[in-house]
Amino acid sequence: MSIESPSMQPVAFGAATLARFAREVAKYPSDQKQSAVMACLSIVQQEQGWVSPAAEQGVADYLGMPVMAVHEVTTFYNMYNQQPVGRFKLNVCTNLPCALRDGEQALQHLERRLGIQMGQTSADGLFTLQQSECLGACADSPVLLVNDRHMCSFMSSDKLDQLIDGLRAAAKEEA
């Protein structure tokens, strides 16, 4: 189905979400409300865990912009999940400087440890493993980013195992 399909029903956002959108839009001149697209997409992702095509349509309608323009933002930045992901999204940098400093080995270790391949989510729904382009910490490689917020540096196999164990324990505590 095309992203511009007329049969797609946009997400009907709740009042709290629309209020958050309005706060972001208010930061820009009234004729430039489309500048809030990244903030609105972040709000959708915080609330829903991912940005569906229907949510893209809803954001486009709210901001008065073509849905394709919203989709271009969603697909350009890897911080926006285009499908449901696990509770913990692990983005491992495999760009050349990190690859030369064991970034590929870190990704392979996580694949073995989690029993999944890059791009997949673990059976328990806890972990989604992704490779990432430069995270801007080449001197600290191998590096990974947890849930687009927490940077982990110098990730040896032992540190990766400790990270996975710690995230699993945190998930159990919150359950």
C-alpha atoms as a PDB file:
ATOM      1  CA  MET A   1       0.000   0.000   0.000  1.00  0.00           C
ATOM      2  CA  SER A   2       1.334   3.414  -0.943  1.00  0.00           C
ATOM      3  CA  ILE A   3       2.030   5.890   1.830  1.00  0.00           C
ATOM      4  CA  GLU A   4      -0.309   8.327   0.015  1.00  0.00           C
ATOM      5  CA  SER A   5      -3.171   5.802  -0.186  1.00  0.00           C
ATOM      6  CA  PRO A   6      -6.533   7.565   0.150  1.00  0.00           C
ATOM      7  CA  SER A   7      -7.947   4.532   1.993  1.00  0.00           C
ATOM      8  CA  MET A   8      -5.544   4.965   4.938  1.00  0.00           C
ATOM      9  CA  GLN A   9      -7.237   6.254   8.048  1.00  0.00           C
ATOM     10  CA  PRO A  10      -5.011   8.598  10.020  1.00  0.00           C
ATOM     11  CA  VAL A  11      -4.529   7.971  13.708  1.00  0.00           C
ATOM     12  CA  ALA A  12      -7.011   9.950  15.772  1.00  0.00           C
ATOM     13  CA  PHE A  13      -4.794  11.445  18.448  1.00  0.00           C
ATOM     14  CA  GLY A  14      -6.184  12.035  21.932  1.00  0.00           C
ATOM     15  CA  ALA A  15      -6.521  15.408  23.592  1.00  0.00           C
ATOM     16  CA  ALA A  16      -3.302  15.015  25.598  1.00  0.00           C
ATOM     17  CA  THR A  17      -1.305  14.213  22.464  1.00  0.00           C
ATOM     18  CA  LEU A  18      -2.834  17.114  20.568  1.00  0.00           C
ATOM     19  CA  ALA A  19      -1.955  19.417  23.474  1.00  0.00           C
ATOM     20  CA  ARG A  20       1.655  18.229  23.300  1.00  0.00           C
ATOM     21  CA  PHE A  21       1.659  18.816  19.525  1.00  0.00           C
ATOM     22  CA  ALA A  22       0.268  22.329  20.078  1.00  0.00           C
ATOM     23  CA  ARG A  23       3.057  23.155  22.556  1.00  0.00           C
ATOM     24  CA  GLU A  24       5.648  22.141  19.953  1.00  0.00           C
ATOM     25  CA  VAL A  25       3.954  24.010  17.106  1.00  0.00           C
ATOM     26  CA  ALA A  26       3.751  27.156  19.279  1.00  0.00           C
ATOM     27  CA  LYS A  27       7.560  27.329  19.258  1.00  0.00           C
ATOM     28  CA  TYR A  28       7.512  28.328  15.564  1.00  0.00           C
ATOM     29  CA  PRO A  29       5.973  31.187  13.580  1.00  0.00           C
ATOM     30  CA  SER A  30       2.393  30.344  12.572  1.00  0.00           C
ATOM     31  CA  ASP A  31       3.337  29.959   8.909  1.00  0.00           C
ATOM     32  CA  GLN A  32       6.103  27.447   9.805  1.00  0.00           C
ATOM     33  CA  LYS A  33       4.268  24.893  11.934  1.00  0.00           C
ATOM     34  CA  GLN A  34       5.687  22.104   9.768  1.00  0.00           C
ATOM     35  CA  SER A  35       8.978  22.745  11.575  1.00  0.00           C
ATOM     36  CA  ALA A  36       7.496  20.797  14.491  1.00  0.00           C
ATOM     37  CA  VAL A  37       7.360  17.553  12.495  1.00  0.00           C
ATOM     38  CA  MET A  38      10.294  15.917  14.301  1.00  0.00           C
ATOM     39  CA  ALA A  39       8.917  16.821  17.717  1.00  0.00           C
ATOM     40  CA  CYS A  40       5.467  15.503  16.787  1.00  0.00           C
ATOM     41  CA  LEU A  41       6.942  12.248  15.495  1.00  0.00           C
ATOM     42  CA  SER A  42       8.906  11.904  18.742  1.00  0.00           C
ATOM     43  CA  ILE A  43       5.710  12.375  20.737  1.00  0.00           C
ATOM     44  CA  VAL A  44       3.967   9.689  18.681  1.00  0.00           C
ATOM     45  CA  GLN A  45       6.855   7.315  19.228  1.00  0.00           C
ATOM     46  CA  GLN A  46       6.984   7.993  22.981  1.00  0.00           C
ATOM     47  CA  GLU A  47       3.297   7.215  23.262  1.00  0.00           C
ATOM     48  CA  GLN A  48       2.946   4.338  20.785  1.00  0.00           C
ATOM     49  CA  GLY A  49       6.453   2.871  20.648  1.00  0.00           C
ATOM     50  CA  TRP A  50       6.688   3.324  16.879  1.00  0.00           C
ATOM     51  CA  VAL A  51       5.491   5.533  14.042  1.00  0.00           C
ATOM     52  CA  SER A  52       2.950   3.723  11.867  1.00  0.00           C
ATOM     53  CA  PRO A  53       1.908   4.928   8.404  1.00  0.00           C
ATOM     54  CA  ALA A  54      -1.452   5.897   9.918  1.00  0.00           C
ATOM     55  CA  ALA A  55       0.354   7.990  12.556  1.00  0.00           C
ATOM     56  CA  GLU A  56       2.410   9.649   9.809  1.00  0.00           C
ATOM     57  CA  GLN A  57      -0.874  10.535   8.094  1.00  0.00           C
ATOM     58  CA  GLY A  58      -2.240  11.943  11.356  1.00  0.00           C
ATOM     59  CA  VAL A  59       0.854  14.094  11.894  1.00  0.00           C
ATOM     60  CA  ALA A  60       0.720  15.276   8.276  1.00  0.00           C
ATOM     61  CA  ASP A  61      -2.935  16.246   8.649  1.00  0.00           C
ATOM     62  CA  TYR A  62      -2.248  18.063  11.914  1.00  0.00           C
ATOM     63  CA  LEU A  63       0.682  20.020  10.488  1.00  0.00           C
ATOM     64  CA  GLY A  64      -0.919  20.625   7.080  1.00  0.00           C
ATOM     65  CA  MET A  65       1.826  18.969   5.092  1.00  0.00           C
ATOM     66  CA  PRO A  66       2.014  16.097   2.596  1.00  0.00           C
ATOM     67  CA  VAL A  67       2.215  12.678   4.219  1.00  0.00           C
ATOM     68  CA  MET A  68       5.218  11.890   2.008  1.00  0.00           C
ATOM     69  CA  ALA A  69       7.138  14.766   3.602  1.00  0.00           C
ATOM     70  CA  VAL A  70       6.430  13.286   7.051  1.00  0.00           C
ATOM     71  CA  HIS A  71       7.409   9.813   5.790  1.00  0.00           C
ATOM     72  CA  GLU A  72      10.703  11.208   4.477  1.00  0.00           C
ATOM     73  CA  VAL A  73      11.542  12.447   7.981  1.00  0.00           C
ATOM     74  CA  THR A  74      10.507   9.145   9.572  1.00  0.00           C
ATOM     75  CA  THR A  75      12.665   7.113   7.203  1.00  0.00           C
ATOM     76  CA  PHE A  76      15.676   9.458   7.208  1.00  0.00           C
ATOM     77  CA  TYR A  77      16.338   9.299  10.949  1.00  0.00           C
ATOM     78  CA  ASN A  78      16.906   5.929  12.615  1.00  0.00           C
ATOM     79  CA  MET A  79      15.520   7.263  15.899  1.00  0.00           C
ATOM     80  CA  TYR A  80      12.021   6.722  14.529  1.00  0.00           C
ATOM     81  CA  ASN A  81      10.852   3.126  14.648  1.00  0.00           C
ATOM     82  CA  GLN A  82       8.886   2.198  11.544  1.00  0.00           C
ATOM     83  CA  GLN A  83       7.647  -1.039  13.056  1.00  0.00           C
ATOM     84  CA  PRO A  84       7.079  -2.242  16.606  1.00  0.00           C
ATOM     85  CA  VAL A  85      10.320  -2.853  18.494  1.00  0.00           C
ATOM     86  CA  GLY A  86      11.296  -4.541  21.721  1.00  0.00           C
ATOM     87  CA  ARG A  87      11.346  -2.789  25.051  1.00  0.00           C
ATOM     88  CA  PHE A  88      15.057  -2.151  24.566  1.00  0.00           C
ATOM     89  CA  LYS A  89      16.254  -1.058  21.136  1.00  0.00           C
ATOM     90  CA  LEU A  90      19.994  -1.598  20.800  1.00  0.00           C
ATOM     91  CA  ASN A  91      21.668   0.340  17.982  1.00  0.00           C
ATOM     92  CA  VAL A  92      25.220  -0.884  17.472  1.00  0.00           C
ATOM     93  CA  CYS A  93      27.521   1.373  15.478  1.00  0.00           C
ATOM     94  CA  THR A  94      29.102  -0.518  12.599  1.00  0.00           C
ATOM     95  CA  ASN A  95      30.403   2.485  10.683  1.00  0.00           C
ATOM     96  CA  LEU A  96      34.008   2.130   9.506  1.00  0.00           C
ATOM     97  CA  PRO A  97      35.832   3.563  12.551  1.00  0.00           C
ATOM     98  CA  CYS A  98      33.778   1.394  14.914  1.00  0.00           C
ATOM     99  CA  ALA A  99      34.040  -1.619  12.611  1.00  0.00           C
ATOM    100  CA  LEU A 100      37.815  -1.291  12.792  1.00  0.00           C
ATOM    101  CA  ARG A 101      37.561  -1.271  16.591  1.00  0.00           C
ATOM    102  CA  ASP A 102      35.354  -4.361  17.059  1.00  0.00           C
ATOM    103  CA  GLY A 103      31.933  -2.868  16.279  1.00  0.00           C
ATOM    104  CA  GLU A 104      31.081  -5.829  14.023  1.00  0.00           C
ATOM    105  CA  GLN A 105      32.198  -8.263  16.722  1.00  0.00           C
ATOM    106  CA  ALA A 106      29.972  -6.488  19.245  1.00  0.00           C
ATOM    107  CA  LEU A 107      26.989  -6.842  16.907  1.00  0.00           C
ATOM    108  CA  GLN A 108      27.780 -10.532  16.332  1.00  0.00           C
ATOM    109  CA  HIS A 109      28.149 -11.130  20.065  1.00  0.00           C
ATOM    110  CA  LEU A 110      24.728  -9.591  20.706  1.00  0.00           C
ATOM    111  CA  GLU A 111      23.195 -11.663  17.901  1.00  0.00           C
ATOM    112  CA  ARG A 112      24.520 -14.843  19.539  1.00  0.00           C
ATOM    113  CA  ARG A 113      23.612 -13.764  23.067  1.00  0.00           C
ATOM    114  CA  LEU A 114      20.065 -12.708  22.161  1.00  0.00           C
ATOM    115  CA  GLY A 115      19.467 -15.477  19.608  1.00  0.00           C
ATOM    116  CA  ILE A 116      18.393 -13.010  16.932  1.00  0.00           C
ATOM    117  CA  GLN A 117      19.823 -11.393  13.845  1.00  0.00           C
ATOM    118  CA  MET A 118      20.280  -7.693  13.266  1.00  0.00           C
ATOM    119  CA  GLY A 119      16.864  -6.154  12.579  1.00  0.00           C
ATOM    120  CA  GLN A 120      14.966  -8.715  14.634  1.00  0.00           C
ATOM    121  CA  THR A 121      13.256  -8.654  18.022  1.00  0.00           C
ATOM    122  CA  SER A 122      13.855 -11.326  20.665  1.00  0.00           C
ATOM    123  CA  ALA A 123      11.054 -13.822  21.329  1.00  0.00           C
ATOM    124  CA  ASP A 124      10.442 -12.330  24.784  1.00  0.00           C
ATOM    125  CA  GLY A 125       9.866  -8.902  23.191  1.00  0.00           C
ATOM    126  CA  LEU A 126      12.618  -7.298  25.224  1.00  0.00           C
ATOM    127  CA  PHE A 127      15.328  -6.601  22.660  1.00  0.00           C
ATOM    128  CA  THR A 128      15.449  -5.296  19.103  1.00  0.00           C
ATOM    129  CA  LEU A 129      18.916  -5.303  17.590  1.00  0.00           C
ATOM    130  CA  GLN A 130      19.837  -2.777  14.914  1.00  0.00           C
ATOM    131  CA  GLN A 131      23.009  -1.601  13.316  1.00  0.00           C
ATOM    132  CA  SER A 132      23.570   2.098  13.195  1.00  0.00           C
ATOM    133  CA  GLU A 133      25.575   4.573  11.272  1.00  0.00           C
ATOM    134  CA  CYS A 134      27.941   6.854  13.136  1.00  0.00           C
ATOM    135  CA  LEU A 135      26.917   7.620  16.702  1.00  0.00           C
ATOM    136  CA  GLY A 136      29.626  10.257  17.025  1.00  0.00           C
ATOM    137  CA  ALA A 137      31.759   8.419  19.576  1.00  0.00           C
ATOM    138  CA  CYS A 138      34.393   6.799  17.380  1.00  0.00           C
ATOM    139  CA  ALA A 139      37.126   7.086  20.025  1.00  0.00           C
ATOM    140  CA  ASP A 140      34.933   5.099  22.436  1.00  0.00           C
ATOM    141  CA  SER A 141      34.126   2.210  20.113  1.00  0.00           C
ATOM    142  CA  PRO A 142      32.620  -0.194  20.059  1.00  0.00           C
ATOM    143  CA  VAL A 143      29.569   1.861  21.006  1.00  0.00           C
ATOM    144  CA  LEU A 144      25.849   1.314  21.092  1.00  0.00           C
ATOM    145  CA  LEU A 145      22.796   3.350  21.894  1.00  0.00           C
ATOM    146  CA  VAL A 146      19.993   1.981  24.081  1.00  0.00           C
ATOM    147  CA  ASN A 147      16.508   3.280  23.256  1.00  0.00           C
ATOM    148  CA  ASP A 148      17.956   6.244  21.364  1.00  0.00           C
ATOM    149  CA  ARG A 149      18.981   7.833  24.654  1.00  0.00           C
ATOM    150  CA  HIS A 150      21.724   6.009  26.564  1.00  0.00           C
ATOM    151  CA  MET A 151      25.176   5.755  24.956  1.00  0.00           C
ATOM    152  CA  CYS A 152      27.323   2.796  25.970  1.00  0.00           C
ATOM    153  CA  SER A 153      31.042   2.984  25.195  1.00  0.00           C
ATOM    154  CA  PHE A 154      33.975   0.556  25.037  1.00  0.00           C
ATOM    155  CA  MET A 155      31.537  -2.392  24.813  1.00  0.00           C
ATOM    156  CA  SER A 156      33.585  -5.548  25.229  1.00  0.00           C
ATOM    157  CA  SER A 157      31.799  -8.899  25.258  1.00  0.00           C
ATOM    158  CA  ASP A 158      31.796  -8.822  29.063  1.00  0.00           C
ATOM    159  CA  LYS A 159      30.292  -5.326  29.147  1.00  0.00           C
ATOM    160  CA  LEU A 160      27.673  -6.358  26.580  1.00  0.00           C
ATOM    161  CA  ASP A 161      26.718  -9.343  28.734  1.00  0.00           C
ATOM    162  CA  GLN A 162      26.455  -7.102  31.804  1.00  0.00           C
ATOM    163  CA  LEU A 163      24.271  -4.672  29.866  1.00  0.00           C
ATOM    164  CA  ILE A 164      21.890  -7.415  28.690  1.00  0.00           C
ATOM    165  CA  ASP A 165      21.683  -8.914  32.188  1.00  0.00           C
ATOM    166  CA  GLY A 166      21.025  -5.479  33.694  1.00  0.00           C
ATOM    167  CA  LEU A 167      18.282  -4.642  31.188  1.00  0.00           C
ATOM    168  CA  ARG A 168      16.614  -8.007  31.747  1.00  0.00           C
ATOM    169  CA  ALA A 169      16.711  -7.465  35.508  1.00  0.00           C
ATOM    170  CA  ALA A 170      15.249  -3.978  35.132  1.00  0.00           C
ATOM    171  CA  ALA A 171      12.435  -5.331  32.985  1.00  0.00           C
ATOM    172  CA  LYS A 172      11.624  -7.991  35.628  1.00  0.00           C
ATOM    173  CA  GLU A 173      11.561  -5.383  38.399  1.00  0.00           C
ATOM    174  CA  GLU A 174       9.096  -3.245  36.488  1.00  0.00           C
ATOM    175  CA  ALA A 175       6.867  -6.183  35.564  1.00  0.00           C
END
